[in-house]
Protein backbone atom coordinates (compact mmCIF):
# COMPACT_ATOMS: atom_id res chain seq x y z
CA UNK A 1 5.08 -17.99 -27.41
CA UNK A 2 5.27 -14.93 -24.76
CA UNK A 3 6.45 -15.71 -20.95
CA UNK A 4 3.59 -14.74 -19.15
CA UNK A 5 3.49 -12.92 -15.74
CA UNK A 6 3.89 -14.48 -12.31
CA UNK A 7 0.75 -15.05 -10.56
CA UNK A 8 -0.51 -12.67 -7.76
CA UNK A 9 -3.19 -13.80 -5.27
CA UNK A 10 -4.16 -10.63 -4.24
CA UNK A 11 -7.24 -8.43 -4.01
CA UNK A 12 -5.12 -5.22 -4.64
CA UNK A 13 -6.91 -1.84 -3.36
CA UNK A 14 -6.09 1.61 -2.91
CA UNK A 15 -6.48 2.81 0.11
CA UNK A 16 -7.39 5.83 2.17
CA UNK A 17 -5.48 6.60 4.74
CA UNK A 18 -7.42 8.26 7.71
CA UNK A 19 -6.77 11.29 10.24
CA UNK A 20 -6.93 8.12 12.85
CA UNK A 21 -3.32 6.30 10.78
CA UNK A 22 -5.31 3.67 10.00
CA UNK A 23 -6.43 2.75 6.72
CA UNK A 24 -9.34 0.19 6.24
CA UNK A 25 -10.32 -3.46 4.75
CA UNK A 26 -12.90 -6.05 5.17
CA UNK A 27 -13.72 -3.75 8.41
CA UNK A 28 -10.44 -4.03 9.79
CA UNK A 29 -8.64 -1.40 11.16
CA UNK A 30 -4.71 -1.43 10.49
CA UNK A 31 -2.12 1.19 11.21
CA UNK A 32 -0.28 3.95 9.09
CA UNK A 33 3.52 5.58 10.38
CA UNK A 34 1.23 9.44 10.58
CA UNK A 35 3.54 10.65 7.66
CA UNK A 36 0.24 8.68 5.91
CA UNK A 37 -2.52 10.36 6.85
CA UNK A 38 -4.60 11.48 3.86
CA UNK A 39 -2.78 9.44 1.23
CA UNK A 40 -3.20 6.70 -0.70
CA UNK A 41 -1.91 3.53 -0.01
CA UNK A 42 -1.40 0.73 -2.58
CA UNK A 43 -2.54 -2.04 -0.60
CA UNK A 44 -2.23 -6.28 -1.79
CA UNK A 45 -4.12 -8.12 0.39
CA UNK A 46 -3.31 -11.70 0.13
CA UNK A 47 -4.90 -14.32 2.40
CA UNK A 48 -1.98 -14.38 5.06
CA UNK A 49 -0.70 -11.27 5.15
CA UNK A 50 -0.95 -7.27 3.35
CA UNK A 51 1.50 -5.49 2.06
CA UNK A 52 0.86 -1.73 1.72
CA UNK A 53 2.87 0.26 -0.76
CA UNK A 54 3.82 4.02 -1.54
CA UNK A 55 4.96 5.87 -3.80
CA UNK A 56 6.70 9.35 -2.29
CA UNK A 57 8.14 11.69 -4.28
CA UNK A 58 11.04 12.60 -2.39
CA UNK A 59 12.36 15.76 -4.35
CA UNK A 60 10.88 18.21 -7.01
CA UNK A 61 13.86 17.46 -9.31
CA UNK A 62 14.53 13.98 -8.11
CA UNK A 63 12.66 10.57 -8.93
CA UNK A 64 10.19 8.19 -7.39
CA UNK A 65 11.00 5.37 -5.40
CA UNK A 66 8.50 2.87 -3.54
CA UNK A 67 8.07 3.23 -0.17
CA UNK A 68 7.01 -0.41 0.93
CA UNK A 69 4.54 -0.32 4.80
CA UNK A 70 5.34 -3.55 7.23
CA UNK A 71 1.55 -5.15 7.22
CA UNK A 72 0.93 -8.02 9.48
């Protein structure tokens, strides 16, 4: 029998950072760095924390890396 992936009890959403450097989750505003204004941020919403993850391409010919924005 194939191995099942681990269960992750999070709600996942793609959110856009507004001009005030915030993302809105359930009517609550969470601040993000100014560099992310207007960008889509993948968020994992848990009952006790919020993880905001974004993919940024460093240079045109380099591979992409994942930048984790701290969320509480």
